[in-house]
N, C-alpha and C. Protein backbone atom coordinates (compact mmCIF):
# COMPACT_ATOMS: atom_id res chain seq x y z
N UNK A 1 24.84 -0.14 -13.91
CA UNK A 1 23.36 0.24 -14.41
C UNK A 1 23.14 1.62 -13.87
N UNK A 2 22.73 2.44 -14.77
CA UNK A 2 22.37 3.85 -14.46
C UNK A 2 20.96 3.97 -13.72
N UNK A 3 20.70 5.09 -12.97
CA UNK A 3 19.51 5.38 -12.35
C UNK A 3 18.26 5.09 -13.20
N UNK A 4 18.44 5.61 -14.48
CA UNK A 4 17.37 5.41 -15.43
C UNK A 4 17.13 3.90 -15.77
N UNK A 5 18.16 3.20 -15.87
CA UNK A 5 18.07 1.76 -16.20
C UNK A 5 17.42 1.02 -15.03
N UNK A 6 17.85 1.43 -13.70
CA UNK A 6 17.16 0.79 -12.61
C UNK A 6 15.72 1.07 -12.49
N UNK A 7 15.33 2.34 -12.88
CA UNK A 7 13.97 2.69 -12.76
C UNK A 7 13.18 1.84 -13.83
N UNK A 8 13.75 1.68 -14.93
CA UNK A 8 13.07 0.95 -16.07
C UNK A 8 12.92 -0.43 -15.62
N UNK A 9 14.00 -1.08 -15.12
CA UNK A 9 13.92 -2.42 -14.63
C UNK A 9 12.90 -2.68 -13.45
N UNK A 10 12.86 -1.62 -12.61
CA UNK A 10 11.81 -1.75 -11.58
C UNK A 10 10.44 -1.64 -12.11
N UNK A 11 10.23 -0.89 -13.12
CA UNK A 11 8.94 -0.77 -13.74
C UNK A 11 8.48 -2.04 -14.37
N UNK A 12 9.49 -2.75 -15.01
CA UNK A 12 9.23 -4.05 -15.56
C UNK A 12 8.77 -5.01 -14.52
N UNK A 13 9.55 -5.07 -13.47
CA UNK A 13 9.29 -6.03 -12.44
C UNK A 13 7.88 -5.83 -11.87
N UNK A 14 7.55 -4.54 -11.58
CA UNK A 14 6.25 -4.22 -11.03
C UNK A 14 5.12 -4.64 -11.98
N UNK A 15 5.18 -4.42 -13.19
CA UNK A 15 4.35 -4.78 -14.25
C UNK A 15 4.12 -6.27 -14.35
N UNK A 16 5.33 -6.90 -14.44
CA UNK A 16 5.30 -8.38 -14.56
C UNK A 16 4.71 -8.99 -13.24
N UNK A 17 4.92 -8.36 -12.15
CA UNK A 17 4.14 -8.88 -10.96
C UNK A 17 2.70 -8.93 -11.19
N UNK A 18 2.16 -7.80 -11.63
CA UNK A 18 0.69 -7.72 -11.89
C UNK A 18 0.21 -8.77 -12.94
N UNK A 19 1.04 -8.90 -14.00
CA UNK A 19 0.62 -9.95 -15.01
C UNK A 19 0.72 -11.42 -14.46
N UNK A 20 1.82 -11.75 -13.78
CA UNK A 20 1.86 -13.11 -13.15
C UNK A 20 0.76 -13.27 -12.26
N UNK A 21 0.36 -12.28 -11.47
CA UNK A 21 -0.65 -12.43 -10.50
C UNK A 21 -1.98 -12.63 -11.05
N UNK A 22 -2.16 -11.90 -12.31
CA UNK A 22 -3.48 -12.09 -12.94
C UNK A 22 -3.70 -13.31 -13.71
N UNK A 23 -2.59 -13.74 -14.45
CA UNK A 23 -2.71 -14.83 -15.41
C UNK A 23 -1.86 -16.03 -15.04
N UNK A 24 -1.10 -15.96 -14.02
CA UNK A 24 -0.18 -17.04 -13.58
C UNK A 24 1.07 -16.99 -14.52
N UNK A 25 2.08 -17.77 -13.95
CA UNK A 25 3.27 -17.97 -14.77
C UNK A 25 2.99 -18.54 -16.20
N UNK A 26 2.12 -19.65 -16.07
CA UNK A 26 1.86 -20.36 -17.32
C UNK A 26 1.11 -19.51 -18.33
N UNK A 27 0.25 -18.57 -17.91
CA UNK A 27 -0.43 -17.77 -18.79
C UNK A 27 0.16 -16.51 -19.23
N UNK A 28 1.36 -16.26 -18.83
CA UNK A 28 2.06 -14.93 -19.25
C UNK A 28 3.21 -15.33 -20.08
N UNK A 29 3.51 -14.34 -21.01
CA UNK A 29 4.54 -14.50 -21.97
C UNK A 29 5.34 -13.24 -21.97
N UNK A 30 6.73 -13.33 -22.27
CA UNK A 30 7.50 -12.20 -22.36
C UNK A 30 7.08 -11.37 -23.54
N UNK A 31 6.58 -11.88 -24.63
CA UNK A 31 6.08 -11.22 -25.74
C UNK A 31 4.90 -10.29 -25.34
N UNK A 32 3.95 -10.87 -24.63
CA UNK A 32 2.85 -10.15 -24.17
C UNK A 32 3.19 -8.97 -23.15
N UNK A 33 4.20 -9.23 -22.35
CA UNK A 33 4.68 -8.22 -21.46
C UNK A 33 5.35 -7.06 -22.16
N UNK A 34 6.16 -7.53 -23.17
CA UNK A 34 6.89 -6.40 -24.01
C UNK A 34 5.85 -5.57 -24.79
N UNK A 35 4.83 -6.22 -25.40
CA UNK A 35 3.83 -5.44 -26.08
C UNK A 35 3.12 -4.56 -25.17
N UNK A 36 2.66 -5.02 -24.02
CA UNK A 36 1.79 -4.24 -23.12
C UNK A 36 2.73 -3.10 -22.59
N UNK A 37 3.93 -3.19 -22.37
CA UNK A 37 4.68 -2.06 -21.94
C UNK A 37 5.34 -1.26 -23.02
N UNK A 38 5.25 -1.80 -24.17
CA UNK A 38 5.88 -0.94 -25.32
C UNK A 38 7.34 -1.11 -25.39
N UNK A 39 8.00 -2.20 -24.91
CA UNK A 39 9.33 -2.50 -24.77
C UNK A 39 9.76 -3.46 -25.88
N UNK A 40 11.04 -3.48 -26.25
CA UNK A 40 11.58 -4.41 -27.22
C UNK A 40 11.74 -5.75 -26.54
N UNK A 41 11.35 -6.85 -27.22
CA UNK A 41 11.51 -8.17 -26.56
C UNK A 41 12.99 -8.46 -26.40
N UNK A 42 13.76 -8.08 -27.28
CA UNK A 42 15.25 -8.33 -27.19
C UNK A 42 15.76 -7.67 -25.98
N UNK A 43 15.31 -6.44 -25.70
CA UNK A 43 15.90 -5.73 -24.52
C UNK A 43 15.41 -6.51 -23.25
N UNK A 44 14.16 -6.99 -23.19
CA UNK A 44 13.83 -7.80 -22.04
C UNK A 44 14.64 -9.01 -21.77
N UNK A 45 14.97 -9.71 -22.93
CA UNK A 45 15.80 -10.90 -22.81
C UNK A 45 17.18 -10.47 -22.37
N UNK A 46 17.75 -9.43 -22.93
CA UNK A 46 19.16 -9.00 -22.43
C UNK A 46 19.19 -8.50 -21.02
N UNK A 47 18.01 -7.91 -20.48
CA UNK A 47 17.99 -7.47 -19.19
C UNK A 47 17.61 -8.40 -18.09
N UNK A 48 16.70 -9.29 -18.39
CA UNK A 48 16.15 -10.20 -17.41
C UNK A 48 16.41 -11.65 -17.71
N UNK A 49 16.85 -11.97 -18.90
CA UNK A 49 16.84 -13.36 -19.31
C UNK A 49 15.48 -13.85 -19.83
N UNK A 50 15.27 -15.15 -19.56
CA UNK A 50 13.94 -15.72 -20.05
C UNK A 50 12.78 -15.38 -19.00
N UNK A 51 11.72 -16.01 -19.41
CA UNK A 51 10.48 -15.77 -18.50
C UNK A 51 10.69 -16.26 -17.08
N UNK A 52 11.32 -17.41 -17.09
CA UNK A 52 11.57 -18.03 -15.73
C UNK A 52 12.45 -17.11 -14.84
N UNK A 53 13.46 -16.49 -15.40
CA UNK A 53 14.28 -15.65 -14.61
C UNK A 53 13.51 -14.31 -14.19
N UNK A 54 12.63 -13.86 -14.91
CA UNK A 54 11.85 -12.75 -14.63
C UNK A 54 10.86 -13.08 -13.57
N UNK A 55 10.31 -14.26 -13.62
CA UNK A 55 9.38 -14.85 -12.56
C UNK A 55 10.03 -14.91 -11.29
N UNK A 56 11.26 -15.38 -11.25
CA UNK A 56 11.93 -15.55 -10.07
C UNK A 56 12.30 -14.28 -9.38
N UNK A 57 12.67 -13.22 -10.30
CA UNK A 57 12.84 -11.95 -9.79
C UNK A 57 11.62 -11.35 -9.11
N UNK A 58 10.50 -11.66 -9.68
CA UNK A 58 9.25 -11.17 -9.04
C UNK A 58 8.99 -11.88 -7.70
N UNK A 59 9.14 -13.22 -7.68
CA UNK A 59 8.99 -13.96 -6.44
C UNK A 59 9.90 -13.45 -5.32
N UNK A 60 11.25 -13.21 -5.72
CA UNK A 60 12.24 -12.69 -4.84
C UNK A 60 11.85 -11.40 -4.23
N UNK A 61 11.34 -10.58 -5.15
CA UNK A 61 10.95 -9.15 -4.70
C UNK A 61 9.79 -9.26 -3.62
N UNK A 62 8.77 -10.00 -4.03
CA UNK A 62 7.64 -10.03 -3.11
C UNK A 62 7.97 -10.74 -1.86
N UNK A 63 8.83 -11.76 -1.85
CA UNK A 63 9.24 -12.48 -0.69
C UNK A 63 10.02 -11.53 0.24
N UNK A 64 10.70 -10.63 -0.25
CA UNK A 64 11.56 -9.74 0.46
C UNK A 64 10.55 -8.77 1.25
N UNK A 65 9.50 -8.45 0.62
CA UNK A 65 8.47 -7.55 1.24
C UNK A 65 7.78 -8.31 2.40
N UNK A 66 7.41 -9.70 2.15
CA UNK A 66 6.82 -10.49 3.22
C UNK A 66 7.69 -10.63 4.40
N UNK A 67 9.01 -10.97 4.14
CA UNK A 67 9.94 -11.21 5.18
C UNK A 67 10.14 -9.95 5.95
N UNK A 68 10.11 -8.73 5.44
CA UNK A 68 10.38 -7.52 6.27
C UNK A 68 9.24 -7.27 7.20
N UNK A 69 8.01 -7.55 6.61
CA UNK A 69 6.76 -7.38 7.58
C UNK A 69 6.87 -8.34 8.79
N UNK A 70 7.23 -9.63 8.43
CA UNK A 70 7.20 -10.62 9.49
C UNK A 70 8.36 -10.39 10.56
N UNK A 71 9.50 -10.00 10.07
CA UNK A 71 10.55 -9.82 10.99
C UNK A 71 10.35 -8.56 11.80
N UNK A 72 9.76 -7.52 11.19
CA UNK A 72 9.51 -6.30 12.02
C UNK A 72 8.39 -6.53 13.07
N UNK A 73 7.39 -7.22 12.71
CA UNK A 73 6.22 -7.49 13.69
C UNK A 73 6.70 -8.36 14.87
N UNK A 74 7.67 -9.27 14.69
CA UNK A 74 8.09 -10.16 15.64
C UNK A 74 9.37 -9.74 16.36
N UNK A 75 9.78 -8.41 16.10
CA UNK A 75 10.95 -7.94 16.76
C UNK A 75 10.89 -7.98 18.35
N UNK A 76 9.74 -8.02 18.93
CA UNK A 76 9.63 -7.92 20.41
C UNK A 76 9.69 -9.29 20.98
N UNK A 77 9.74 -10.37 20.09
CA UNK A 77 9.72 -11.71 20.67
C UNK A 77 11.35 -12.07 20.78
N UNK A 78 11.75 -12.87 21.80
CA UNK A 78 10.88 -13.62 22.81
C UNK A 78 10.34 -12.62 23.79
N UNK A 79 9.09 -12.96 24.25
CA UNK A 79 8.38 -12.08 25.12
C UNK A 79 8.42 -12.77 26.64
N UNK A 80 8.20 -11.87 27.59
CA UNK A 80 8.28 -12.53 29.01
C UNK A 80 6.93 -13.17 29.46
N UNK A 81 5.85 -12.81 28.77
CA UNK A 81 4.63 -13.35 29.11
C UNK A 81 3.67 -13.62 27.97
N UNK A 82 2.47 -14.18 28.27
CA UNK A 82 1.59 -14.53 27.20
C UNK A 82 1.07 -13.31 26.51
N UNK A 83 0.84 -12.16 27.28
CA UNK A 83 0.31 -10.90 26.68
C UNK A 83 1.30 -10.37 25.70
N UNK A 84 2.62 -10.58 25.90
CA UNK A 84 3.64 -10.10 25.00
C UNK A 84 3.59 -10.85 23.69
N UNK A 85 3.38 -12.17 23.82
CA UNK A 85 3.39 -13.01 22.69
C UNK A 85 2.08 -12.62 21.81
N UNK A 86 0.90 -12.50 22.46
CA UNK A 86 -0.29 -12.17 21.86
C UNK A 86 -0.16 -10.82 21.22
N UNK A 87 0.43 -9.79 21.79
CA UNK A 87 0.61 -8.57 21.13
C UNK A 87 1.43 -8.58 19.85
N UNK A 88 2.56 -9.37 19.98
CA UNK A 88 3.37 -9.58 18.74
C UNK A 88 2.68 -10.29 17.68
N UNK A 89 1.93 -11.26 17.91
CA UNK A 89 1.27 -12.00 16.91
C UNK A 89 0.07 -11.20 16.28
N UNK A 90 -0.58 -10.37 17.18
CA UNK A 90 -1.60 -9.43 16.65
C UNK A 90 -1.07 -8.40 15.71
N UNK A 91 0.13 -7.91 16.05
CA UNK A 91 0.82 -7.06 15.17
C UNK A 91 1.15 -7.62 13.86
N UNK A 92 1.61 -8.91 13.91
CA UNK A 92 1.96 -9.67 12.73
C UNK A 92 0.78 -9.81 11.81
N UNK A 93 -0.34 -10.13 12.46
CA UNK A 93 -1.55 -10.35 11.64
C UNK A 93 -2.00 -9.02 11.08
N UNK A 94 -2.01 -8.03 11.72
CA UNK A 94 -2.45 -6.74 11.22
C UNK A 94 -1.50 -6.23 10.12
N UNK A 95 -0.22 -6.37 10.32
CA UNK A 95 0.73 -5.80 9.27
C UNK A 95 0.68 -6.63 8.03
N UNK A 96 0.55 -7.96 8.19
CA UNK A 96 0.60 -8.90 7.01
C UNK A 96 -0.75 -8.68 6.20
N UNK A 97 -1.85 -8.51 6.98
CA UNK A 97 -3.15 -8.32 6.29
C UNK A 97 -3.01 -6.93 5.50
N UNK A 98 -2.44 -5.97 6.10
CA UNK A 98 -2.31 -4.77 5.34
C UNK A 98 -1.40 -4.91 4.16
N UNK A 99 -0.42 -5.65 4.26
CA UNK A 99 0.51 -5.88 3.11
C UNK A 99 -0.27 -6.61 2.03
N UNK A 100 -1.10 -7.54 2.29
CA UNK A 100 -1.82 -8.29 1.34
C UNK A 100 -3.00 -7.48 0.74
N UNK A 101 -3.62 -6.64 1.53
CA UNK A 101 -4.56 -5.70 1.05
C UNK A 101 -3.98 -4.73 0.12
N UNK A 102 -2.82 -4.21 0.50
CA UNK A 102 -2.16 -3.18 -0.32
C UNK A 102 -1.51 -3.71 -1.58
N UNK A 103 -1.22 -4.99 -1.55
CA UNK A 103 -0.45 -5.65 -2.60
C UNK A 103 -1.13 -7.06 -2.88
N UNK A 104 -2.35 -7.03 -3.42
CA UNK A 104 -3.13 -8.23 -3.65
C UNK A 104 -2.42 -9.27 -4.56
N UNK A 105 -1.43 -8.77 -5.32
CA UNK A 105 -0.65 -9.64 -6.19
C UNK A 105 0.10 -10.65 -5.45
N UNK A 106 0.47 -10.32 -4.21
CA UNK A 106 1.24 -11.32 -3.43
C UNK A 106 0.53 -12.52 -3.23
N UNK A 107 -0.72 -12.47 -2.47
CA UNK A 107 -1.42 -13.73 -2.39
C UNK A 107 -1.83 -14.37 -3.73
N UNK A 108 -2.09 -13.51 -4.69
CA UNK A 108 -2.50 -14.11 -5.96
C UNK A 108 -1.39 -14.94 -6.55
N UNK A 109 -0.15 -14.47 -6.46
CA UNK A 109 0.95 -15.32 -7.01
C UNK A 109 1.07 -16.68 -6.35
N UNK A 110 0.77 -16.76 -5.00
CA UNK A 110 0.89 -18.06 -4.36
C UNK A 110 -0.37 -18.89 -4.52
N UNK A 111 -1.59 -18.16 -4.76
CA UNK A 111 -2.77 -18.96 -5.08
C UNK A 111 -2.72 -19.63 -6.41
N UNK A 112 -1.95 -18.94 -7.41
CA UNK A 112 -1.74 -19.62 -8.67
C UNK A 112 -0.83 -20.86 -8.50
N UNK A 113 0.14 -20.60 -7.70
CA UNK A 113 1.13 -21.75 -7.44
C UNK A 113 0.43 -22.87 -6.87
N UNK A 114 -0.48 -22.76 -5.91
CA UNK A 114 -1.15 -23.84 -5.14
C UNK A 114 -2.00 -24.58 -6.18
N UNK A 115 -2.39 -23.86 -7.22
CA UNK A 115 -3.31 -24.61 -8.28
C UNK A 115 -2.42 -25.21 -9.27
N UNK A 116 -1.11 -25.22 -9.16
CA UNK A 116 -0.29 -25.96 -10.13
C UNK A 116 0.56 -25.10 -11.06
N UNK A 117 0.40 -23.79 -10.84
CA UNK A 117 1.10 -22.87 -11.79
C UNK A 117 2.66 -23.00 -11.63
N UNK A 118 3.38 -22.80 -12.72
CA UNK A 118 4.80 -22.99 -12.70
C UNK A 118 5.32 -24.23 -12.08
N UNK A 119 4.60 -25.29 -12.48
CA UNK A 119 5.01 -26.58 -12.08
C UNK A 119 6.46 -27.05 -12.44
N UNK A 120 6.96 -26.47 -13.56
CA UNK A 120 8.25 -26.80 -13.93
C UNK A 120 9.36 -26.07 -13.22
N UNK A 121 8.97 -25.24 -12.22
CA UNK A 121 9.97 -24.59 -11.29
C UNK A 121 9.91 -25.21 -9.90
N UNK A 122 10.65 -26.17 -9.64
CA UNK A 122 10.56 -26.80 -8.33
C UNK A 122 11.15 -26.06 -7.16
N UNK A 123 10.64 -26.38 -6.00
CA UNK A 123 11.20 -25.86 -4.76
C UNK A 123 10.94 -24.37 -4.40
N UNK A 124 9.98 -23.78 -5.14
CA UNK A 124 9.69 -22.36 -4.86
C UNK A 124 9.30 -22.20 -3.37
N UNK A 125 8.47 -23.16 -2.89
CA UNK A 125 7.92 -23.02 -1.46
C UNK A 125 9.16 -23.16 -0.54
N UNK A 126 10.05 -24.19 -0.79
CA UNK A 126 11.11 -24.31 0.18
C UNK A 126 12.01 -23.06 0.18
N UNK A 127 12.25 -22.53 -0.92
CA UNK A 127 13.20 -21.37 -1.05
C UNK A 127 12.58 -20.14 -0.54
N UNK A 128 11.29 -19.88 -0.83
CA UNK A 128 10.73 -18.56 -0.46
C UNK A 128 9.73 -18.51 0.56
N UNK A 129 8.80 -19.49 0.58
CA UNK A 129 7.58 -19.45 1.49
C UNK A 129 8.07 -19.99 2.86
N UNK A 130 8.63 -21.28 2.80
CA UNK A 130 8.91 -21.88 4.09
C UNK A 130 9.72 -21.16 5.06
N UNK A 131 10.87 -20.49 4.58
CA UNK A 131 11.71 -19.70 5.49
C UNK A 131 10.94 -18.64 6.18
N UNK A 132 9.92 -18.02 5.52
CA UNK A 132 9.14 -17.01 6.18
C UNK A 132 8.31 -17.53 7.22
N UNK A 133 7.70 -18.74 6.87
CA UNK A 133 6.82 -19.41 7.97
C UNK A 133 7.71 -19.76 9.21
N UNK A 134 8.89 -20.27 8.88
CA UNK A 134 9.72 -20.73 9.96
C UNK A 134 10.13 -19.59 10.96
N UNK A 135 10.29 -18.41 10.39
CA UNK A 135 10.65 -17.22 11.28
C UNK A 135 9.67 -17.19 12.43
N UNK A 136 8.39 -17.20 12.03
CA UNK A 136 7.24 -17.17 13.00
C UNK A 136 7.24 -18.37 13.88
N UNK A 137 7.27 -19.52 13.25
CA UNK A 137 7.22 -20.74 14.00
C UNK A 137 8.26 -20.84 15.11
N UNK A 138 9.60 -20.49 14.63
CA UNK A 138 10.75 -20.56 15.67
C UNK A 138 10.59 -19.55 16.78
N UNK A 139 10.01 -18.31 16.39
CA UNK A 139 9.91 -17.37 17.50
C UNK A 139 8.85 -17.75 18.45
N UNK A 140 7.85 -18.64 18.07
CA UNK A 140 6.89 -19.03 19.04
C UNK A 140 7.42 -20.29 19.75
N UNK A 141 8.35 -20.93 19.21
CA UNK A 141 8.87 -22.23 19.89
C UNK A 141 9.46 -21.91 21.20
N UNK A 142 10.14 -20.76 21.28
CA UNK A 142 10.89 -20.46 22.46
C UNK A 142 9.78 -20.12 23.63
N UNK A 143 8.70 -19.42 23.19
CA UNK A 143 7.59 -19.22 24.10
C UNK A 143 6.93 -20.47 24.66
N UNK A 144 6.87 -21.52 23.72
CA UNK A 144 6.21 -22.87 24.06
C UNK A 144 7.22 -23.55 25.09
N UNK A 145 8.49 -23.51 24.78
CA UNK A 145 9.44 -24.19 25.66
C UNK A 145 9.49 -23.61 27.06
N UNK A 146 9.19 -22.22 27.14
CA UNK A 146 9.15 -21.58 28.42
C UNK A 146 7.83 -21.73 29.11
N UNK A 147 6.89 -22.43 28.49
CA UNK A 147 5.55 -22.61 29.16
C UNK A 147 4.63 -21.42 29.07
N UNK A 148 4.97 -20.44 28.14
CA UNK A 148 4.19 -19.20 28.04
C UNK A 148 2.94 -19.51 27.20
N UNK A 149 3.05 -20.34 26.24
CA UNK A 149 1.99 -20.68 25.41
C UNK A 149 1.83 -22.14 25.34
N UNK A 150 0.73 -22.65 24.84
CA UNK A 150 0.38 -24.04 24.78
C UNK A 150 1.49 -24.81 23.96
N UNK A 151 2.15 -25.72 24.59
CA UNK A 151 3.16 -26.41 24.03
C UNK A 151 2.75 -27.47 22.98
N UNK A 152 1.35 -27.83 23.05
CA UNK A 152 0.79 -28.87 22.28
C UNK A 152 0.30 -28.31 20.98
N UNK A 153 0.35 -27.02 20.70
CA UNK A 153 -0.09 -26.35 19.42
C UNK A 153 0.87 -26.69 18.28
N UNK A 154 0.35 -27.08 17.18
CA UNK A 154 1.25 -27.26 15.93
C UNK A 154 1.51 -25.92 15.43
N UNK A 155 2.66 -25.36 15.71
CA UNK A 155 2.97 -24.03 15.31
C UNK A 155 3.12 -23.84 13.94
N UNK A 156 3.69 -24.81 13.24
CA UNK A 156 3.81 -24.73 11.77
C UNK A 156 2.56 -24.55 11.05
N UNK A 157 1.60 -25.46 11.48
CA UNK A 157 0.23 -25.33 10.90
C UNK A 157 -0.52 -24.04 11.35
N UNK A 158 -0.25 -23.64 12.50
CA UNK A 158 -0.86 -22.23 12.96
C UNK A 158 -0.48 -21.14 12.08
N UNK A 159 0.78 -21.06 11.75
CA UNK A 159 1.28 -20.04 10.86
C UNK A 159 0.68 -20.17 9.43
N UNK A 160 0.66 -21.42 8.97
CA UNK A 160 0.05 -21.58 7.68
C UNK A 160 -1.47 -21.32 7.63
N UNK A 161 -2.15 -21.60 8.70
CA UNK A 161 -3.52 -21.35 8.80
C UNK A 161 -3.77 -19.88 8.66
N UNK A 162 -3.00 -19.11 9.28
CA UNK A 162 -3.06 -17.62 9.18
C UNK A 162 -3.01 -17.20 7.70
N UNK A 163 -2.02 -17.74 7.08
CA UNK A 163 -1.81 -17.36 5.64
C UNK A 163 -2.91 -17.78 4.80
N UNK A 164 -3.44 -18.91 4.94
CA UNK A 164 -4.51 -19.55 4.22
C UNK A 164 -5.74 -18.76 4.47
N UNK A 165 -6.01 -18.31 5.71
CA UNK A 165 -7.17 -17.48 5.97
C UNK A 165 -7.19 -16.15 5.30
N UNK A 166 -6.00 -15.51 5.26
CA UNK A 166 -5.86 -14.11 4.62
C UNK A 166 -5.99 -14.20 3.14
N UNK A 167 -5.38 -15.28 2.53
CA UNK A 167 -5.42 -15.51 1.13
C UNK A 167 -6.83 -15.86 0.59
N UNK A 168 -7.41 -16.72 1.40
CA UNK A 168 -8.81 -17.06 1.10
C UNK A 168 -9.74 -15.87 1.17
N UNK A 169 -9.55 -15.09 2.15
CA UNK A 169 -10.39 -13.88 2.30
C UNK A 169 -10.24 -12.95 1.10
N UNK A 170 -9.02 -12.75 0.68
CA UNK A 170 -8.77 -11.82 -0.46
C UNK A 170 -9.37 -12.45 -1.79
N UNK A 171 -9.49 -13.70 -1.76
CA UNK A 171 -9.96 -14.36 -3.06
C UNK A 171 -11.39 -14.72 -2.90
N UNK A 172 -12.11 -14.29 -1.92
CA UNK A 172 -13.57 -14.48 -1.98
C UNK A 172 -14.08 -15.75 -1.32
N UNK A 173 -13.36 -16.41 -0.43
CA UNK A 173 -13.68 -17.68 0.04
C UNK A 173 -13.96 -17.61 1.56
N UNK A 174 -13.55 -16.60 2.32
CA UNK A 174 -13.55 -16.65 3.64
C UNK A 174 -15.01 -16.26 4.23
N UNK A 175 -15.60 -15.32 3.67
CA UNK A 175 -16.84 -14.75 4.24
C UNK A 175 -18.03 -15.15 3.29
N UNK A 176 -19.13 -15.58 3.76
CA UNK A 176 -20.18 -15.99 2.90
C UNK A 176 -21.27 -14.88 3.03
N UNK A 177 -22.19 -14.77 1.95
CA UNK A 177 -23.28 -13.86 1.96
C UNK A 177 -24.07 -14.06 3.28
N UNK A 178 -24.61 -13.03 3.85
CA UNK A 178 -24.94 -11.61 3.23
C UNK A 178 -23.74 -10.78 3.45
N UNK A 179 -22.60 -11.18 3.97
CA UNK A 179 -21.45 -10.34 4.15
C UNK A 179 -20.48 -10.71 3.17
N UNK A 180 -20.46 -10.28 1.89
CA UNK A 180 -19.47 -10.78 0.87
C UNK A 180 -18.04 -10.37 1.27
N UNK A 181 -17.02 -11.17 0.89
CA UNK A 181 -15.69 -10.85 1.23
C UNK A 181 -15.09 -9.76 0.32
N UNK A 182 -15.58 -8.54 0.58
CA UNK A 182 -15.13 -7.40 -0.29
C UNK A 182 -14.11 -6.62 0.62
N UNK A 183 -12.89 -6.64 0.16
CA UNK A 183 -11.84 -5.95 0.94
C UNK A 183 -12.05 -4.46 1.05
N UNK A 184 -12.93 -3.97 0.13
CA UNK A 184 -13.20 -2.48 0.23
C UNK A 184 -14.26 -2.22 1.11
N UNK A 185 -14.99 -3.20 1.57
CA UNK A 185 -16.11 -2.96 2.53
C UNK A 185 -15.50 -2.67 3.94
N UNK A 186 -15.79 -1.43 4.39
CA UNK A 186 -15.17 -1.13 5.71
C UNK A 186 -15.42 -1.97 6.93
N UNK A 187 -16.44 -2.88 6.77
CA UNK A 187 -16.76 -3.78 7.86
C UNK A 187 -15.90 -5.13 7.79
N UNK A 188 -15.55 -5.46 6.70
CA UNK A 188 -14.96 -6.76 6.48
C UNK A 188 -13.51 -6.84 7.16
N UNK A 189 -12.63 -5.79 6.98
CA UNK A 189 -11.19 -5.90 7.43
C UNK A 189 -11.29 -6.06 9.06
N UNK A 190 -12.06 -5.24 9.72
CA UNK A 190 -12.04 -5.38 11.20
C UNK A 190 -12.62 -6.66 11.70
N UNK A 191 -13.49 -7.18 10.92
CA UNK A 191 -14.13 -8.50 11.27
C UNK A 191 -13.13 -9.61 11.09
N UNK A 192 -12.33 -9.59 9.92
CA UNK A 192 -11.34 -10.64 9.76
C UNK A 192 -10.15 -10.49 10.70
N UNK A 193 -9.73 -9.22 10.87
CA UNK A 193 -8.71 -9.05 11.93
C UNK A 193 -9.04 -9.53 13.33
N UNK A 194 -10.23 -9.29 13.83
CA UNK A 194 -10.63 -9.77 15.10
C UNK A 194 -10.77 -11.22 15.08
N UNK A 195 -11.20 -11.87 14.07
CA UNK A 195 -11.26 -13.32 13.97
C UNK A 195 -9.85 -13.90 14.04
N UNK A 196 -8.94 -13.34 13.35
CA UNK A 196 -7.57 -13.87 13.37
C UNK A 196 -6.87 -13.73 14.65
N UNK A 197 -7.10 -12.62 15.38
CA UNK A 197 -6.62 -12.37 16.63
C UNK A 197 -7.15 -13.53 17.57
N UNK A 198 -8.39 -13.63 17.50
CA UNK A 198 -9.01 -14.81 18.32
C UNK A 198 -8.48 -16.01 18.02
N UNK A 199 -8.25 -16.44 16.77
CA UNK A 199 -7.69 -17.66 16.36
C UNK A 199 -6.30 -17.87 16.98
N UNK A 200 -5.56 -16.81 16.82
CA UNK A 200 -4.06 -16.96 17.41
C UNK A 200 -4.14 -17.20 18.92
N UNK A 201 -4.91 -16.40 19.61
CA UNK A 201 -4.92 -16.43 21.12
C UNK A 201 -5.42 -17.84 21.51
N UNK A 202 -6.52 -18.32 20.88
CA UNK A 202 -7.02 -19.64 21.40
C UNK A 202 -6.20 -20.74 20.97
N UNK A 203 -5.55 -20.69 19.85
CA UNK A 203 -4.69 -21.79 19.42
C UNK A 203 -3.39 -21.85 20.32
N UNK A 204 -2.99 -20.65 20.81
CA UNK A 204 -1.82 -20.61 21.55
C UNK A 204 -2.09 -20.80 23.10
N UNK A 205 -3.39 -20.82 23.41
CA UNK A 205 -3.69 -21.04 24.79
C UNK A 205 -3.51 -19.72 25.72
N UNK A 206 -3.57 -18.53 25.02
CA UNK A 206 -3.38 -17.25 25.79
C UNK A 206 -4.58 -17.09 26.67
N UNK A 207 -4.32 -16.92 27.97
CA UNK A 207 -5.42 -16.65 28.84
C UNK A 207 -6.43 -15.49 28.55
N UNK A 208 -7.60 -15.80 28.82
CA UNK A 208 -8.63 -14.69 28.68
C UNK A 208 -8.94 -14.51 27.15
N UNK A 209 -8.32 -15.34 26.30
CA UNK A 209 -8.65 -15.14 24.92
C UNK A 209 -10.13 -15.56 24.43
């Protein structure tokens, strides 16, 4: 594949990501994508296959971005003390929140999925979402075994709670009036970040949290 072909394919995946995020898998068609981008439908089929294959390429790409953020943020774990665990988790929260704010299509894709989108594609969560959750859960387990954090915390649900909170925030459910959940409001991001830091520290039993 030439550089021009790669750039064209990348442009299609980026555009498809926005369409799937806006309308869901079920509400998006290859014909609509081709018409919106001015591409030939036959070329799309030859390059990506069917809609399912293109959707999986989108999910694969976004999952790679999520995984990179999580692995980078947790590079300092295992930590020697609770403060080190807290710092790593705060870094994770901050970087993942920035990823979602910069790429709102990522949480949107999963919100559609939670509402039953792409029901004919099984095991998306097991293949893409669960491994990313497990990276954080497993990194925290060693700290729990060492007695650095509260061993009674359900670490799997802790990680999922962080994702639910961020996704809910971006989709208007986390903050109620008079402070609407507007990601562009300069007050809302620090407020959510501080809340998530506090949530992490208290659930992990970090001293002075």
